[in-house]
Amino acid sequence: MSVHQLLEARRADQGVGLVYIARRAKLPAELTTGAIVKRIRKWVAKAKFPPPVTPRIYRGELLDGADAVWVHARWDKAHVDAWFDNRTPPELRVVDDGYLRSHVAGLLDSRAEAMFAGGAR
């Protein structure tokens, strides 16, 4: 990925950065950006915090995961909010919602069959 492509991705990005995450985490205002980066790297590595969505190239190498966290990294707002709200990524909530709907529909169908098993009245 070229520098120009990285810049275009950054301009098109509507994600959130360190300031948003620090505010959501209620981190002390006196923390340096370096301290915030270190804390977020720990979260990505150990607490399943979502990694940044923007690529990071350092010395010609594409970094990902906790190594991709740096001052100018950007995150998907929905994933960050989900992590802070209930630590469940949005994709899993959709799957759970679909499961619940099908489960409830199955229950309703079986109860309707049982209710009308004796014939229509």
Foldseek 3Di string as FASTA:
>chain_A
DDPVVLVVCLVPDPFDFLVVLCVLVVPDPPDDQVVSLVVVLCCQVPVVQDKFPRWDADPNDTDTTSVRRDRSTGHHHQSSVCCSPPNDRPVVVVVVVVVVVVVVVVVVVVVVCVVQVVHDD
